[in-house]
N, C-alpha and C. Protein backbone atom coordinates (compact mmCIF):
# COMPACT_ATOMS: atom_id res chain seq x y z
N MET A 1 103.93 31.54 -61.66
CA MET A 1 102.59 30.89 -61.15
C MET A 1 103.32 30.59 -59.45
N ALA A 2 102.40 30.58 -58.50
CA ALA A 2 103.04 30.45 -57.47
C ALA A 2 102.65 29.11 -57.08
N THR A 3 103.85 28.34 -56.34
CA THR A 3 103.34 27.02 -55.86
C THR A 3 102.41 26.73 -55.09
N ALA A 4 101.92 25.81 -54.27
CA ALA A 4 101.42 25.75 -53.10
C ALA A 4 102.17 25.32 -51.89
N PRO A 5 101.73 25.60 -51.06
CA PRO A 5 102.70 25.55 -49.92
C PRO A 5 102.58 24.11 -49.22
N PRO A 6 103.64 23.96 -48.74
CA PRO A 6 104.06 22.59 -48.54
C PRO A 6 102.62 21.80 -47.46
N SER A 7 102.39 20.75 -47.45
CA SER A 7 101.84 20.29 -46.78
C SER A 7 102.09 20.54 -44.99
N THR A 8 101.22 20.53 -44.17
CA THR A 8 101.58 20.78 -42.84
C THR A 8 101.28 19.11 -42.12
N TYR A 9 101.09 18.56 -42.66
CA TYR A 9 100.54 16.94 -42.03
C TYR A 9 101.53 15.82 -42.76
N SER A 10 101.82 15.03 -42.18
CA SER A 10 102.76 14.16 -42.87
C SER A 10 102.17 12.37 -42.13
N ALA A 11 102.08 11.57 -42.87
CA ALA A 11 101.90 10.45 -42.37
C ALA A 11 103.17 9.43 -41.84
N VAL A 12 102.86 9.15 -40.74
CA VAL A 12 104.11 8.71 -39.99
C VAL A 12 103.63 7.29 -39.18
N THR A 13 104.34 6.65 -38.80
CA THR A 13 104.33 5.08 -38.42
C THR A 13 105.28 5.25 -37.15
N LEU A 14 104.21 4.78 -36.01
CA LEU A 14 104.94 4.74 -34.64
C LEU A 14 104.91 3.82 -34.23
N ASN A 15 106.21 3.12 -33.78
CA ASN A 15 106.45 1.89 -33.25
C ASN A 15 106.19 1.67 -31.55
N ILE A 16 105.00 1.61 -31.46
CA ILE A 16 104.54 1.82 -29.53
C ILE A 16 104.43 0.03 -29.00
N ASN A 17 105.16 -0.11 -28.01
CA ASN A 17 104.97 -1.21 -27.11
C ASN A 17 104.86 -2.43 -28.26
N GLY A 18 105.59 -2.43 -28.99
CA GLY A 18 106.17 -3.46 -30.41
C GLY A 18 105.34 -3.36 -31.33
N GLU A 19 104.20 -2.28 -31.34
CA GLU A 19 103.26 -2.62 -32.75
C GLU A 19 103.18 -1.32 -33.66
N LYS A 20 103.27 -1.53 -34.76
CA LYS A 20 103.39 -0.37 -35.84
C LYS A 20 102.14 0.25 -35.78
N HIS A 21 101.66 1.78 -35.50
CA HIS A 21 100.72 2.12 -35.90
C HIS A 21 100.61 3.36 -36.73
N THR A 22 100.38 3.05 -37.78
CA THR A 22 100.18 4.45 -38.88
C THR A 22 99.10 5.54 -39.30
N LEU A 23 99.71 6.75 -39.09
CA LEU A 23 98.32 7.82 -39.06
C LEU A 23 98.89 8.92 -39.47
N THR A 24 98.17 9.94 -39.86
CA THR A 24 98.41 11.22 -40.23
C THR A 24 98.59 11.97 -39.65
N VAL A 25 99.27 12.97 -38.91
CA VAL A 25 99.39 14.12 -37.77
C VAL A 25 99.63 15.04 -38.60
N ASP A 26 99.32 16.48 -38.05
CA ASP A 26 99.91 17.53 -37.93
C ASP A 26 101.44 17.82 -37.44
N HIS A 27 102.35 18.47 -38.29
CA HIS A 27 103.76 18.39 -38.06
C HIS A 27 103.77 18.80 -36.51
N ARG A 28 102.90 19.62 -35.83
CA ARG A 28 102.94 20.34 -34.59
C ARG A 28 102.21 19.58 -33.31
N THR A 29 101.82 18.37 -34.14
CA THR A 29 101.66 17.38 -32.89
C THR A 29 102.28 16.76 -31.87
N THR A 30 101.83 16.75 -30.62
CA THR A 30 102.96 15.91 -29.70
C THR A 30 102.92 14.33 -29.84
N LEU A 31 103.68 14.28 -29.08
CA LEU A 31 103.47 12.40 -29.15
C LEU A 31 102.63 12.29 -27.93
N LEU A 32 102.72 12.85 -26.97
CA LEU A 32 101.38 12.91 -25.91
C LEU A 32 99.92 13.07 -27.00
N ASP A 33 99.80 13.68 -27.38
CA ASP A 33 98.47 13.70 -28.03
C ASP A 33 98.31 13.01 -28.74
N ALA A 34 99.31 12.42 -29.55
CA ALA A 34 99.08 11.26 -30.64
C ALA A 34 98.59 9.98 -29.82
N LEU A 35 98.90 10.03 -29.05
CA LEU A 35 98.81 8.64 -28.27
C LEU A 35 97.44 8.80 -27.36
N ARG A 36 97.20 9.76 -26.99
CA ARG A 36 96.32 9.99 -25.80
C ARG A 36 94.65 10.13 -27.10
N GLU A 37 95.09 11.17 -28.44
CA GLU A 37 94.06 11.32 -29.05
C GLU A 37 93.66 11.12 -30.00
N ARG A 38 94.56 10.41 -30.69
CA ARG A 38 94.73 9.75 -32.07
C ARG A 38 94.66 8.01 -31.93
N LEU A 39 95.27 7.71 -30.62
CA LEU A 39 95.49 6.03 -30.45
C LEU A 39 94.53 5.32 -29.32
N ASP A 40 94.20 6.47 -28.71
CA ASP A 40 93.16 5.79 -27.50
C ASP A 40 93.92 5.50 -26.37
N MET A 41 95.48 5.45 -26.33
CA MET A 41 96.14 5.27 -25.20
C MET A 41 96.42 5.93 -23.97
N THR A 42 94.94 6.24 -23.05
CA THR A 42 95.12 7.10 -22.38
C THR A 42 95.97 6.80 -21.10
N GLY A 43 96.89 5.96 -21.01
CA GLY A 43 97.38 5.67 -19.53
C GLY A 43 98.54 6.79 -19.38
N THR A 44 99.34 7.59 -20.48
CA THR A 44 100.02 8.45 -20.10
C THR A 44 99.05 9.81 -20.13
N LYS A 45 99.50 10.26 -19.22
CA LYS A 45 98.69 11.50 -18.19
C LYS A 45 98.98 13.20 -19.00
N LYS A 46 98.14 13.96 -19.27
CA LYS A 46 98.55 14.99 -19.70
C LYS A 46 98.37 16.07 -18.20
N GLY A 47 99.85 16.47 -17.73
CA GLY A 47 99.52 17.16 -16.60
C GLY A 47 99.62 18.75 -17.16
N CYS A 48 101.03 19.31 -16.87
CA CYS A 48 101.12 20.88 -17.02
C CYS A 48 101.13 20.90 -18.82
N ASP A 49 101.42 19.99 -19.38
CA ASP A 49 101.86 20.24 -20.92
C ASP A 49 102.87 21.10 -21.31
N GLN A 50 103.66 21.47 -20.31
CA GLN A 50 105.05 22.39 -20.35
C GLN A 50 106.24 21.55 -20.15
N GLY A 51 106.30 20.06 -19.76
CA GLY A 51 107.94 19.26 -19.62
C GLY A 51 108.05 19.71 -18.34
N GLN A 52 107.16 20.38 -17.55
CA GLN A 52 107.79 20.42 -16.05
C GLN A 52 107.26 19.37 -14.97
N CYS A 53 105.91 18.61 -15.19
CA CYS A 53 105.58 17.71 -14.19
C CYS A 53 106.30 16.22 -14.14
N GLY A 54 106.53 15.56 -15.57
CA GLY A 54 106.82 14.38 -15.71
C GLY A 54 105.68 13.18 -15.62
N ALA A 55 103.84 13.84 -15.65
CA ALA A 55 102.84 13.03 -15.86
C ALA A 55 102.83 12.60 -17.45
N CYS A 56 103.73 12.84 -17.95
CA CYS A 56 103.36 12.35 -19.45
C CYS A 56 104.66 11.24 -20.15
N THR A 57 105.38 10.99 -18.77
CA THR A 57 106.77 10.27 -19.08
C THR A 57 106.78 9.16 -19.83
N VAL A 58 107.46 9.02 -21.47
CA VAL A 58 107.20 7.72 -21.75
C VAL A 58 108.80 7.07 -21.78
N LEU A 59 109.11 6.04 -22.75
CA LEU A 59 110.26 5.39 -23.24
C LEU A 59 110.68 5.63 -24.53
N LEU A 60 111.52 6.27 -25.10
CA LEU A 60 111.79 6.64 -26.11
C LEU A 60 113.22 5.97 -26.56
N ASP A 61 113.26 4.76 -27.36
CA ASP A 61 114.30 3.94 -27.12
C ASP A 61 115.05 3.95 -25.82
N LYS A 62 114.22 3.31 -25.07
CA LYS A 62 114.50 2.91 -23.67
C LYS A 62 114.86 4.28 -22.85
N ARG A 63 114.88 5.28 -22.94
CA ARG A 63 115.26 6.62 -22.21
C ARG A 63 114.07 7.26 -22.18
N ARG A 64 113.90 7.79 -21.14
CA ARG A 64 112.53 8.67 -20.74
C ARG A 64 112.40 10.03 -21.50
N THR A 65 111.65 10.28 -21.56
CA THR A 65 111.05 11.48 -22.31
C THR A 65 109.69 11.76 -21.85
N VAL A 66 109.78 13.62 -21.63
CA VAL A 66 108.09 14.15 -21.72
C VAL A 66 107.85 14.08 -22.92
N SER A 67 106.57 13.47 -23.23
CA SER A 67 106.21 13.20 -24.41
C SER A 67 105.31 14.68 -24.98
N CYS A 68 105.01 15.75 -24.09
CA CYS A 68 104.32 16.74 -24.27
C CYS A 68 105.34 17.55 -25.00
N LEU A 69 106.33 17.38 -24.81
CA LEU A 69 107.68 18.24 -25.71
C LEU A 69 108.03 17.69 -26.88
N GLN A 70 107.97 16.48 -26.87
CA GLN A 70 108.10 15.53 -28.34
C GLN A 70 107.33 15.63 -29.63
N LEU A 71 107.52 15.78 -30.55
CA LEU A 71 106.70 15.91 -31.81
C LEU A 71 106.38 14.50 -32.24
N ALA A 72 105.41 13.71 -32.72
CA ALA A 72 104.95 12.92 -32.83
C ALA A 72 105.76 12.46 -34.28
N VAL A 73 106.05 13.36 -35.37
CA VAL A 73 106.95 12.80 -36.43
C VAL A 73 108.11 12.74 -35.79
N ALA A 74 108.98 13.23 -34.70
CA ALA A 74 110.14 13.13 -34.94
C ALA A 74 110.69 11.85 -34.05
N ALA A 75 109.34 10.94 -33.77
CA ALA A 75 109.12 9.95 -32.90
C ALA A 75 109.16 8.36 -34.16
N GLU A 76 108.94 8.79 -35.21
CA GLU A 76 108.77 7.81 -36.33
C GLU A 76 110.25 7.07 -36.32
N GLY A 77 110.14 5.88 -36.50
CA GLY A 77 111.33 4.65 -36.88
C GLY A 77 112.02 4.75 -34.68
N ARG A 78 111.52 4.97 -33.99
CA ARG A 78 112.09 4.84 -32.72
C ARG A 78 111.14 4.02 -31.79
N GLU A 79 111.70 3.36 -31.09
CA GLU A 79 110.80 2.69 -30.38
C GLU A 79 110.43 3.24 -29.05
N ILE A 80 108.77 3.00 -28.75
CA ILE A 80 107.96 3.93 -27.89
C ILE A 80 107.62 3.01 -27.09
N THR A 81 107.62 2.90 -25.49
CA THR A 81 107.16 2.60 -24.67
C THR A 81 106.50 3.28 -23.84
N THR A 82 104.90 3.10 -23.78
CA THR A 82 104.25 3.57 -22.59
C THR A 82 103.71 2.72 -21.46
N ILE A 83 102.92 3.32 -20.25
CA ILE A 83 102.60 2.47 -19.36
C ILE A 83 101.95 1.07 -19.79
N GLU A 84 101.32 1.31 -20.76
CA GLU A 84 100.45 0.21 -21.20
C GLU A 84 101.57 -0.96 -21.69
N GLY A 85 102.65 -0.89 -22.03
CA GLY A 85 103.83 -1.72 -22.31
C GLY A 85 104.84 -1.77 -21.44
N VAL A 86 104.87 -1.53 -20.00
CA VAL A 86 105.74 -1.60 -19.33
C VAL A 86 105.73 -2.98 -18.90
N ALA A 87 104.42 -3.74 -18.70
CA ALA A 87 104.43 -5.32 -18.24
C ALA A 87 104.90 -6.46 -18.99
N GLU A 88 104.95 -7.07 -18.66
CA GLU A 88 104.80 -8.46 -19.84
C GLU A 88 103.82 -9.23 -19.74
N GLY A 89 103.09 -9.06 -20.50
CA GLY A 89 101.78 -10.11 -20.54
C GLY A 89 101.00 -9.81 -19.14
N ASP A 90 100.70 -10.75 -18.43
CA ASP A 90 100.16 -10.51 -17.14
C ASP A 90 100.81 -10.43 -15.78
N GLN A 91 102.25 -10.45 -16.37
CA GLN A 91 103.50 -10.48 -15.31
C GLN A 91 104.00 -8.86 -15.15
N LEU A 92 103.51 -8.21 -13.85
CA LEU A 92 104.03 -6.97 -13.82
C LEU A 92 105.16 -6.97 -13.78
N HIS A 93 105.46 -5.64 -14.01
CA HIS A 93 107.28 -5.21 -13.97
C HIS A 93 107.37 -5.28 -12.46
N ALA A 94 108.69 -5.18 -12.14
CA ALA A 94 109.10 -4.97 -10.95
C ALA A 94 108.63 -3.80 -10.11
N VAL A 95 108.77 -2.59 -10.89
CA VAL A 95 108.21 -1.33 -10.57
C VAL A 95 106.79 -1.34 -10.19
N GLN A 96 106.23 -1.69 -11.14
CA GLN A 96 104.63 -1.83 -10.89
C GLN A 96 104.59 -2.63 -9.99
N GLN A 97 104.65 -3.26 -9.43
CA GLN A 97 104.66 -4.26 -8.24
C GLN A 97 104.89 -3.57 -7.05
N ALA A 98 106.45 -3.09 -7.01
CA ALA A 98 106.99 -2.21 -6.24
C ALA A 98 105.70 -1.16 -5.72
N PHE A 99 105.13 -0.43 -6.78
CA PHE A 99 104.22 0.67 -6.15
C PHE A 99 103.25 0.17 -5.50
N LEU A 100 102.58 -0.94 -5.87
CA LEU A 100 101.19 -1.55 -5.56
C LEU A 100 101.82 -1.75 -4.27
N ASP A 101 102.79 -2.69 -4.02
CA ASP A 101 102.88 -3.46 -2.68
C ASP A 101 103.26 -2.13 -1.49
N LEU A 102 103.82 -1.02 -2.25
CA LEU A 102 104.45 0.24 -0.82
C LEU A 102 103.55 1.30 -1.32
N ASP A 103 102.18 1.06 -2.12
CA ASP A 103 101.48 2.47 -2.03
C ASP A 103 102.12 3.65 -2.67
N GLY A 104 102.67 3.74 -3.87
CA GLY A 104 103.81 4.59 -4.43
C GLY A 104 102.62 5.07 -4.78
N TYR A 105 101.33 5.50 -4.46
CA TYR A 105 100.81 5.98 -5.45
C TYR A 105 99.57 6.90 -4.38
N GLN A 106 98.57 7.98 -4.87
CA GLN A 106 97.55 8.15 -4.03
C GLN A 106 96.46 8.48 -5.02
N CYS A 107 96.17 9.66 -5.82
CA CYS A 107 95.38 9.84 -6.76
C CYS A 107 95.62 8.85 -8.07
N GLY A 108 97.06 8.37 -8.45
CA GLY A 108 97.33 7.52 -9.51
C GLY A 108 97.31 8.39 -10.54
N TYR A 109 97.15 9.71 -10.78
CA TYR A 109 97.40 10.59 -11.91
C TYR A 109 98.99 10.55 -11.87
N CYS A 110 99.86 11.02 -11.26
CA CYS A 110 101.18 10.87 -12.06
C CYS A 110 102.10 9.67 -11.86
N THR A 111 100.93 8.29 -11.16
CA THR A 111 101.79 7.01 -11.53
C THR A 111 102.31 6.21 -12.81
N PRO A 112 101.70 6.55 -13.81
CA PRO A 112 102.00 6.10 -15.44
C PRO A 112 103.69 6.61 -15.30
N GLY A 113 103.77 7.86 -15.37
CA GLY A 113 105.06 8.98 -15.68
C GLY A 113 105.87 8.67 -14.50
N GLN A 114 105.36 7.91 -13.44
CA GLN A 114 106.59 7.83 -12.24
C GLN A 114 107.02 6.48 -12.39
N ILE A 115 106.45 5.09 -13.02
CA ILE A 115 106.64 4.11 -13.37
C ILE A 115 107.58 3.99 -14.27
N CYS A 116 107.25 4.88 -15.49
CA CYS A 116 108.30 5.09 -16.59
C CYS A 116 109.58 5.43 -16.26
N SER A 117 109.30 6.80 -15.62
CA SER A 117 110.70 7.00 -15.15
C SER A 117 111.76 5.81 -14.38
N ALA A 118 111.02 5.54 -13.46
CA ALA A 118 111.71 4.50 -12.50
C ALA A 118 112.12 3.39 -13.16
N VAL A 119 111.70 2.98 -14.01
CA VAL A 119 111.82 2.06 -15.05
C VAL A 119 113.31 2.28 -15.68
N ALA A 120 113.29 3.56 -16.10
CA ALA A 120 114.70 4.09 -16.89
C ALA A 120 115.56 4.50 -15.63
N VAL A 121 115.20 5.05 -14.69
CA VAL A 121 116.13 5.23 -13.31
C VAL A 121 116.85 3.93 -13.06
N ILE A 122 116.34 2.93 -13.00
CA ILE A 122 116.94 1.41 -12.64
C ILE A 122 117.86 1.36 -13.79
N GLU A 123 117.61 1.53 -14.80
CA GLU A 123 118.79 0.97 -16.06
C GLU A 123 119.32 1.80 -16.25
N GLU A 124 119.77 2.90 -15.78
CA GLU A 124 120.56 4.37 -16.14
C GLU A 124 121.79 3.76 -14.74
N HIS A 125 121.09 3.59 -13.87
CA HIS A 125 122.04 3.39 -12.75
C HIS A 125 122.88 2.57 -12.81
N ALA A 126 122.09 1.02 -13.49
CA ALA A 126 122.62 -0.47 -13.57
C ALA A 126 123.75 0.10 -14.37
N ALA A 127 123.83 0.91 -15.71
CA ALA A 127 124.74 1.38 -16.55
C ALA A 127 125.79 1.97 -15.92
N GLY A 128 125.75 2.60 -14.50
CA GLY A 128 126.70 3.69 -13.88
C GLY A 128 126.82 5.32 -13.96
N TRP A 129 125.55 5.55 -15.05
CA TRP A 129 125.31 7.12 -14.83
C TRP A 129 125.30 7.68 -13.52
N PRO A 130 125.84 8.42 -13.34
CA PRO A 130 125.88 9.46 -12.15
C PRO A 130 124.67 10.32 -12.52
N SER A 131 124.68 10.93 -10.96
CA SER A 131 123.56 12.09 -11.07
C SER A 131 124.03 13.01 -10.29
N ALA A 132 123.26 14.15 -10.19
CA ALA A 132 123.89 15.21 -9.68
C ALA A 132 124.14 15.04 -8.01
N VAL A 133 123.84 14.22 -7.48
CA VAL A 133 124.24 13.90 -5.76
C VAL A 133 125.11 12.81 -5.90
N THR A 134 125.62 12.35 -7.03
CA THR A 134 127.02 11.18 -6.88
C THR A 134 127.93 11.64 -6.53
N ASP A 135 128.62 11.14 -5.70
CA ASP A 135 130.20 11.47 -4.97
C ASP A 135 131.67 11.35 -6.09
N ASP A 136 131.13 9.40 -6.27
CA ASP A 136 132.46 9.24 -6.92
C ASP A 136 131.94 9.38 -8.74
N VAL A 137 132.15 10.12 -9.51
CA VAL A 137 131.59 9.61 -10.79
C VAL A 137 132.56 9.37 -11.91
N ARG A 138 133.73 8.67 -11.55
CA ARG A 138 134.57 8.53 -11.79
C ARG A 138 133.98 7.35 -12.74
N PRO A 139 134.34 6.93 -13.96
CA PRO A 139 133.39 5.54 -14.57
C PRO A 139 133.86 4.34 -13.80
N GLU A 140 135.22 4.16 -13.42
CA GLU A 140 135.57 3.18 -12.84
C GLU A 140 135.06 2.35 -11.19
N ALA A 141 134.31 3.70 -10.88
CA ALA A 141 134.14 3.50 -9.65
C ALA A 141 132.43 2.57 -9.56
N GLY A 142 132.03 2.40 -10.84
CA GLY A 142 130.72 1.85 -10.62
C GLY A 142 129.49 2.53 -10.42
N PRO A 143 128.36 1.79 -10.16
CA PRO A 143 127.20 2.19 -10.28
C PRO A 143 127.44 2.80 -8.47
N PRO A 144 126.91 4.12 -8.37
CA PRO A 144 126.74 4.27 -6.96
C PRO A 144 125.68 3.74 -6.27
N PRO A 145 125.81 3.75 -5.07
CA PRO A 145 124.85 3.02 -4.13
C PRO A 145 123.51 4.08 -4.55
N LEU A 146 122.62 3.03 -4.67
CA LEU A 146 121.16 3.52 -4.84
C LEU A 146 120.46 4.17 -3.37
N THR A 147 120.87 5.08 -2.91
CA THR A 147 120.25 6.01 -1.79
C THR A 147 119.04 6.56 -2.01
N PRO A 148 118.34 6.54 -0.80
CA PRO A 148 117.53 7.49 -0.95
C PRO A 148 117.60 9.01 -1.56
N ASP A 149 118.96 9.70 -1.22
CA ASP A 149 118.86 10.82 -2.25
C ASP A 149 119.20 10.36 -3.36
N GLU A 150 119.84 9.42 -3.66
CA GLU A 150 120.17 9.37 -5.10
C GLU A 150 118.75 9.11 -6.03
N ILE A 151 117.71 8.25 -5.35
CA ILE A 151 116.70 7.90 -6.04
C ILE A 151 115.67 9.59 -5.90
N ARG A 152 115.96 10.09 -5.42
CA ARG A 152 115.50 11.80 -5.19
C ARG A 152 115.62 12.44 -5.80
N GLU A 153 116.98 12.44 -6.28
CA GLU A 153 117.84 13.15 -7.63
C GLU A 153 117.14 12.59 -8.99
N ARG A 154 117.52 11.31 -8.82
CA ARG A 154 116.81 10.95 -10.13
C ARG A 154 115.65 10.86 -10.69
N MET A 155 114.58 11.14 -9.71
CA MET A 155 113.12 10.55 -10.07
C MET A 155 112.56 12.53 -9.82
N SER A 156 113.25 13.25 -9.66
CA SER A 156 112.95 14.75 -9.56
C SER A 156 111.95 15.23 -10.34
N GLY A 157 112.09 14.74 -11.81
CA GLY A 157 111.38 15.39 -12.82
C GLY A 157 110.28 14.95 -12.89
N ASN A 158 109.77 14.35 -11.86
CA ASN A 158 108.40 13.60 -11.64
C ASN A 158 107.79 13.86 -10.28
N LEU A 159 106.53 14.76 -10.80
CA LEU A 159 105.96 15.66 -9.63
C LEU A 159 105.14 14.77 -9.20
N CYS A 160 104.68 14.73 -7.67
CA CYS A 160 103.16 14.16 -7.11
C CYS A 160 102.63 15.04 -6.36
N ARG A 161 101.57 15.38 -6.95
CA ARG A 161 100.56 16.44 -6.13
C ARG A 161 100.00 15.85 -5.02
N CYS A 162 99.82 14.70 -4.52
CA CYS A 162 99.67 13.95 -3.61
C CYS A 162 100.60 14.14 -2.41
N GLY A 163 102.04 13.61 -2.56
CA GLY A 163 103.15 13.91 -1.97
C GLY A 163 103.11 12.41 -1.68
N ALA A 164 103.30 11.38 -2.20
CA ALA A 164 103.56 10.08 -2.07
C ALA A 164 105.00 9.92 -2.55
N TYR A 165 105.67 10.93 -2.07
CA TYR A 165 107.28 10.65 -2.35
C TYR A 165 108.10 9.28 -2.07
N VAL A 166 107.63 9.58 -0.55
CA VAL A 166 108.04 8.85 0.50
C VAL A 166 108.02 7.18 -0.14
N SER A 167 106.91 6.85 -0.42
CA SER A 167 106.21 5.59 -0.99
C SER A 167 107.03 5.37 -2.36
N ILE A 168 107.02 6.27 -2.97
CA ILE A 168 107.77 5.85 -4.60
C ILE A 168 109.37 5.92 -4.30
N VAL A 169 109.94 6.39 -3.36
CA VAL A 169 111.18 6.10 -3.05
C VAL A 169 111.58 4.87 -2.95
N GLN A 170 110.59 4.43 -1.61
CA GLN A 170 110.78 2.98 -1.28
C GLN A 170 110.25 2.08 -2.18
N ALA A 171 109.24 2.16 -3.31
CA ALA A 171 109.23 1.15 -4.31
C ALA A 171 110.31 1.41 -5.54
N VAL A 172 110.87 2.62 -5.49
CA VAL A 172 111.89 2.09 -6.66
C VAL A 172 113.08 1.33 -6.05
N ALA A 173 113.35 1.72 -4.86
CA ALA A 173 114.58 1.24 -4.26
C ALA A 173 114.28 -0.62 -4.15
N ARG A 174 112.90 -0.62 -3.96
CA ARG A 174 112.69 -2.41 -3.78
C ARG A 174 112.73 -3.03 -5.21
N ALA A 175 112.07 -1.84 -6.43
CA ALA A 175 112.28 -2.52 -7.43
C ALA A 175 113.69 -2.71 -8.06
N ALA A 176 114.44 -1.46 -7.60
CA ALA A 176 115.90 -1.32 -8.14
C ALA A 176 116.82 -2.95 -7.31
N GLU A 177 116.17 -3.42 -6.25
CA GLU A 177 117.19 -4.30 -5.17
C GLU A 177 116.35 -5.77 -6.26
N ALA A 178 115.37 -5.80 -6.84
CA ALA A 178 114.85 -7.04 -7.60
C ALA A 178 115.55 -7.11 -8.70
N ASP A 179 115.66 -5.93 -9.64
CA ASP A 179 116.47 -5.86 -10.74
C ASP A 179 117.88 -6.33 -10.67
N ALA A 180 118.89 -5.72 -9.77
CA ALA A 180 120.06 -6.08 -9.14
C ALA A 180 120.01 -7.68 -9.13
N ALA A 181 119.02 -8.36 -8.66
CA ALA A 181 118.92 -9.96 -8.20
C ALA A 181 118.75 -10.64 -9.53
N ALA A 182 117.75 -10.18 -10.34
CA ALA A 182 117.77 -10.66 -11.59
C ALA A 182 118.77 -10.72 -12.60
N ARG A 183 119.70 -9.46 -12.55
CA ARG A 183 120.69 -9.41 -13.52
C ARG A 183 122.01 -10.32 -12.72
N ALA A 184 122.35 -10.06 -11.28
CA ALA A 184 123.19 -11.30 -11.03
C ALA A 184 122.63 -12.69 -11.35
N GLU A 185 121.44 -13.16 -11.16
CA GLU A 185 121.25 -14.31 -11.77
C GLU A 185 121.58 -14.74 -13.08
N GLN A 186 121.09 -13.58 -14.48
CA GLN A 186 121.27 -14.00 -15.00
C GLN A 186 122.71 -14.25 -15.76
N ALA A 187 123.74 -13.28 -14.92
CA ALA A 187 125.07 -13.31 -15.32
C ALA A 187 125.38 -14.42 -14.79
N GLU A 188 124.99 -15.04 -13.97
CA GLU A 188 125.59 -16.58 -12.96
C GLU A 188 125.01 -17.35 -13.90
N GLN A 189 124.07 -17.38 -14.61
CA GLN A 189 123.48 -18.36 -15.54
C GLN A 189 124.22 -18.45 -17.02
N GLY A 190 124.71 -17.52 -17.22
CA GLY A 190 125.70 -17.03 -18.55
C GLY A 190 126.78 -17.79 -18.22
N THR A 191 127.20 -17.37 -16.83
CA THR A 191 128.76 -18.31 -16.60
C THR A 191 128.51 -19.81 -16.58
N GLU A 192 127.31 -20.56 -15.92
CA GLU A 192 127.28 -21.54 -16.30
C GLU A 192 127.67 -22.23 -17.36
N HIS A 193 126.53 -21.54 -18.18
CA HIS A 193 126.64 -22.04 -19.49
C HIS A 193 127.76 -22.26 -20.41
N GLU A 194 128.52 -21.01 -20.17
CA GLU A 194 129.86 -20.96 -20.64
C GLU A 194 130.72 -21.96 -20.32
N GLY A 195 130.89 -22.28 -18.95
CA GLY A 195 131.54 -23.48 -18.21
C GLY A 195 130.99 -24.66 -19.01
N ALA A 196 129.94 -25.18 -19.05
CA ALA A 196 129.48 -26.41 -19.88
C ALA A 196 129.69 -26.42 -21.03
N ALA A 197 129.97 -25.18 -21.99
CA ALA A 197 130.69 -25.27 -23.32
C ALA A 197 131.89 -25.58 -23.26
N ALA A 198 132.85 -25.16 -22.44
CA ALA A 198 134.09 -25.56 -22.50
C ALA A 198 134.52 -26.67 -22.41
């Protein structure tokens, strides 16, 4: 007697922007399609659907990924952050504010992916990760200066068909400066607390 073929559907629980969503999906469903078509999270955009334009970039465990190439079933148990979860309540993320202040967008279609990538770029840079244009890649050299060339290289997976690249580079640079200042302030406060405890 022949056995029934295994189901091509599974129930998955996705942790998106701090909230859990359980849904049944075909194993071939991409994270992008689950977000947009099943959960109505349309901030993440579908561009090329081939992993080449970056419009669908989201953060997966705080690292950027193109959601059109990520299967939804493979994202179960991981922390997913979409553009809807980048801000903290009504307080825009420094990257979002910089994009607004410096006109880092035109039509805005690629902007959610650009912002998610920029958030990850700033974290990667602060952690000392080199890029293809980093001169000194030794760990002891620390983070390289975040020059326009560094930003362009690190953001190169995100295309802007409007050509707002100059403003995007400026926005990432400004957000990185704000992030560095916030990190320095946190470190200073941590030192003060340690001194008071001693």
